[in-house]
C-alpha atoms as a PDB file:
ATOM      1  CA  UNK A   1     -64.397 -31.209  46.125  1.00  0.00           C
ATOM      2  CA  UNK A   2     -66.309 -27.982  45.795  1.00  0.00           C
ATOM      3  CA  UNK A   3     -69.705 -29.629  47.284  1.00  0.00           C
ATOM      4  CA  UNK A   4     -67.712 -30.757  50.276  1.00  0.00           C
ATOM      5  CA  UNK A   5     -66.410 -27.312  51.440  1.00  0.00           C
ATOM      6  CA  UNK A   6     -68.344 -26.045  54.532  1.00  0.00           C
ATOM      7  CA  UNK A   7     -66.343 -22.763  54.749  1.00  0.00           C
ATOM      8  CA  UNK A   8     -68.302 -19.571  55.353  1.00  0.00           C
ATOM      9  CA  UNK A   9     -66.201 -17.728  52.528  1.00  0.00           C
ATOM     10  CA  UNK A  10     -65.589 -18.735  49.013  1.00  0.00           C
ATOM     11  CA  UNK A  11     -61.870 -18.430  48.121  1.00  0.00           C
ATOM     12  CA  UNK A  12     -62.534 -15.311  46.117  1.00  0.00           C
ATOM     13  CA  UNK A  13     -64.433 -13.583  48.844  1.00  0.00           C
ATOM     14  CA  UNK A  14     -61.692 -14.762  51.313  1.00  0.00           C
ATOM     15  CA  UNK A  15     -59.084 -13.201  49.075  1.00  0.00           C
ATOM     16  CA  UNK A  16     -61.107 -10.039  48.766  1.00  0.00           C
ATOM     17  CA  UNK A  17     -61.601  -9.792  52.489  1.00  0.00           C
ATOM     18  CA  UNK A  18     -58.072 -10.219  53.298  1.00  0.00           C
ATOM     19  CA  UNK A  19     -56.854  -7.796  50.717  1.00  0.00           C
ATOM     20  CA  UNK A  20     -59.555  -5.048  51.644  1.00  0.00           C
ATOM     21  CA  UNK A  21     -58.749  -5.377  55.466  1.00  0.00           C
ATOM     22  CA  UNK A  22     -54.929  -5.105  54.745  1.00  0.00           C
ATOM     23  CA  UNK A  23     -55.418  -2.030  52.479  1.00  0.00           C
ATOM     24  CA  UNK A  24     -57.791  -0.157  54.977  1.00  0.00           C
ATOM     25  CA  UNK A  25     -55.548  -0.868  57.920  1.00  0.00           C
ATOM     26  CA  UNK A  26     -52.450   0.271  55.747  1.00  0.00           C
ATOM     27  CA  UNK A  27     -54.117   3.645  55.084  1.00  0.00           C
ATOM     28  CA  UNK A  28     -55.331   3.900  58.722  1.00  0.00           C
ATOM     29  CA  UNK A  29     -51.849   3.314  59.933  1.00  0.00           C
ATOM     30  CA  UNK A  30     -50.515   6.048  57.757  1.00  0.00           C
ATOM     31  CA  UNK A  31     -52.891   8.420  59.272  1.00  0.00           C
ATOM     32  CA  UNK A  32     -52.078   7.466  62.793  1.00  0.00           C
ATOM     33  CA  UNK A  33     -48.401   7.498  61.910  1.00  0.00           C
ATOM     34  CA  UNK A  34     -48.951  11.179  60.736  1.00  0.00           C
ATOM     35  CA  UNK A  35     -50.779  12.055  63.850  1.00  0.00           C
ATOM     36  CA  UNK A  36     -48.207  10.419  66.205  1.00  0.00           C
ATOM     37  CA  UNK A  37     -45.201  11.974  64.478  1.00  0.00           C
ATOM     38  CA  UNK A  38     -46.624  15.524  63.858  1.00  0.00           C
ATOM     39  CA  UNK A  39     -44.464  17.193  66.445  1.00  0.00           C
ATOM     40  CA  UNK A  40     -41.211  15.384  65.768  1.00  0.00           C
ATOM     41  CA  UNK A  41     -38.214  17.147  64.322  1.00  0.00           C
ATOM     42  CA  UNK A  42     -37.806  14.533  61.794  1.00  0.00           C
ATOM     43  CA  UNK A  43     -40.996  12.520  61.383  1.00  0.00           C
ATOM     44  CA  UNK A  44     -39.630  10.205  58.613  1.00  0.00           C
ATOM     45  CA  UNK A  45     -37.144   8.659  61.135  1.00  0.00           C
ATOM     46  CA  UNK A  46     -39.257   8.497  64.229  1.00  0.00           C
ATOM     47  CA  UNK A  47     -39.819   4.881  65.384  1.00  0.00           C
ATOM     48  CA  UNK A  48     -43.196   5.362  66.606  1.00  0.00           C
ATOM     49  CA  UNK A  49     -44.513   5.313  62.985  1.00  0.00           C
ATOM     50  CA  UNK A  50     -42.894   1.801  62.575  1.00  0.00           C
ATOM     51  CA  UNK A  51     -44.717   0.785  65.868  1.00  0.00           C
ATOM     52  CA  UNK A  52     -47.898   1.849  64.425  1.00  0.00           C
ATOM     53  CA  UNK A  53     -47.349  -0.138  61.220  1.00  0.00           C
ATOM     54  CA  UNK A  54     -46.353  -3.119  63.348  1.00  0.00           C
ATOM     55  CA  UNK A  55     -49.609  -2.944  65.292  1.00  0.00           C
ATOM     56  CA  UNK A  56     -51.740  -2.495  62.264  1.00  0.00           C
ATOM     57  CA  UNK A  57     -50.236  -5.780  60.929  1.00  0.00           C
ATOM     58  CA  UNK A  58     -50.661  -7.785  64.062  1.00  0.00           C
ATOM     59  CA  UNK A  59     -54.115  -6.600  64.759  1.00  0.00           C
ATOM     60  CA  UNK A  60     -55.321  -7.913  61.505  1.00  0.00           C
ATOM     61  CA  UNK A  61     -55.136 -11.661  62.402  1.00  0.00           C
ATOM     62  CA  UNK A  62     -57.591 -11.558  65.290  1.00  0.00           C
ATOM     63  CA  UNK A  63     -59.835  -9.306  63.103  1.00  0.00           C
ATOM     64  CA  UNK A  64     -59.928 -11.847  60.342  1.00  0.00           C
ATOM     65  CA  UNK A  65     -60.626 -14.577  62.799  1.00  0.00           C
ATOM     66  CA  UNK A  66     -63.456 -12.523  64.305  1.00  0.00           C
ATOM     67  CA  UNK A  67     -64.862 -11.942  60.664  1.00  0.00           C
ATOM     68  CA  UNK A  68     -64.805 -15.611  60.214  1.00  0.00           C
ATOM     69  CA  UNK A  69     -61.713 -16.367  58.178  1.00  0.00           C
ATOM     70  CA  UNK A  70     -59.803 -19.399  59.393  1.00  0.00           C
ATOM     71  CA  UNK A  71     -56.337 -17.933  59.989  1.00  0.00           C
ATOM     72  CA  UNK A  72     -55.143 -21.321  61.072  1.00  0.00           C
ATOM     73  CA  UNK A  73     -55.004 -22.272  57.279  1.00  0.00           C
ATOM     74  CA  UNK A  74     -52.523 -19.367  56.640  1.00  0.00           C
ATOM     75  CA  UNK A  75     -49.235 -20.215  55.477  1.00  0.00           C
ATOM     76  CA  UNK A  76     -46.151 -18.266  55.388  1.00  0.00           C
ATOM     77  CA  UNK A  77     -47.136 -16.798  51.956  1.00  0.00           C
ATOM     78  CA  UNK A  78     -50.543 -15.490  53.481  1.00  0.00           C
ATOM     79  CA  UNK A  79     -48.598 -13.810  56.358  1.00  0.00           C
ATOM     80  CA  UNK A  80     -46.309 -12.228  54.084  1.00  0.00           C
ATOM     81  CA  UNK A  81     -49.025 -11.133  51.686  1.00  0.00           C
ATOM     82  CA  UNK A  82     -50.841  -9.498  54.563  1.00  0.00           C
ATOM     83  CA  UNK A  83     -47.729  -7.695  55.926  1.00  0.00           C
ATOM     84  CA  UNK A  84     -46.670  -6.522  52.458  1.00  0.00           C
ATOM     85  CA  UNK A  85     -50.087  -5.132  51.492  1.00  0.00           C
ATOM     86  CA  UNK A  86     -50.254  -3.210  54.827  1.00  0.00           C
ATOM     87  CA  UNK A  87     -46.676  -1.950  54.466  1.00  0.00           C
ATOM     88  CA  UNK A  88     -47.197  -0.923  50.920  1.00  0.00           C
ATOM     89  CA  UNK A  89     -50.394   1.107  51.606  1.00  0.00           C
ATOM     90  CA  UNK A  90     -48.938   2.562  54.753  1.00  0.00           C
ATOM     91  CA  UNK A  91     -45.561   3.608  52.998  1.00  0.00           C
ATOM     92  CA  UNK A  92     -47.354   5.178  49.924  1.00  0.00           C
ATOM     93  CA  UNK A  93     -49.866   7.091  52.022  1.00  0.00           C
ATOM     94  CA  UNK A  94     -47.604   8.168  54.791  1.00  0.00           C
ATOM     95  CA  UNK A  95     -44.950   9.450  52.103  1.00  0.00           C
ATOM     96  CA  UNK A  96     -47.821  11.534  50.534  1.00  0.00           C
ATOM     97  CA  UNK A  97     -48.757  12.927  53.871  1.00  0.00           C
ATOM     98  CA  UNK A  98     -45.186  13.782  54.691  1.00  0.00           C
ATOM     99  CA  UNK A  99     -44.415  15.345  51.364  1.00  0.00           C
ATOM    100  CA  UNK A 100     -47.595  17.359  51.309  1.00  0.00           C
ATOM    101  CA  UNK A 101     -47.214  18.535  54.926  1.00  0.00           C
ATOM    102  CA  UNK A 102     -50.681  17.162  55.790  1.00  0.00           C
ATOM    103  CA  UNK A 103     -51.786  17.587  59.241  1.00  0.00           C
ATOM    104  CA  UNK A 104     -54.724  15.759  60.956  1.00  0.00           C
END
């Protein structure tokens, strides 16, 4: 029942927090990928950008725990959601950076 929930976050606020963190880290990973691959001959195929993305995905779970979200309750769907949201924002933003020739 709703009166028995002792969680710190409501389900709505929990979803907003997870989505916001995944989105922000996806954009941050795109910026870092752009910086890391700036000197590469073909930055789009540089594996270091993928390593940055993987790090951004993996660092989210300790951050969510630090914020107070119980990640032990996460199922496969939640993990896939975090990974997809981070990947989607990284892919779009890094693609824009590559196309525009942006340097940081």
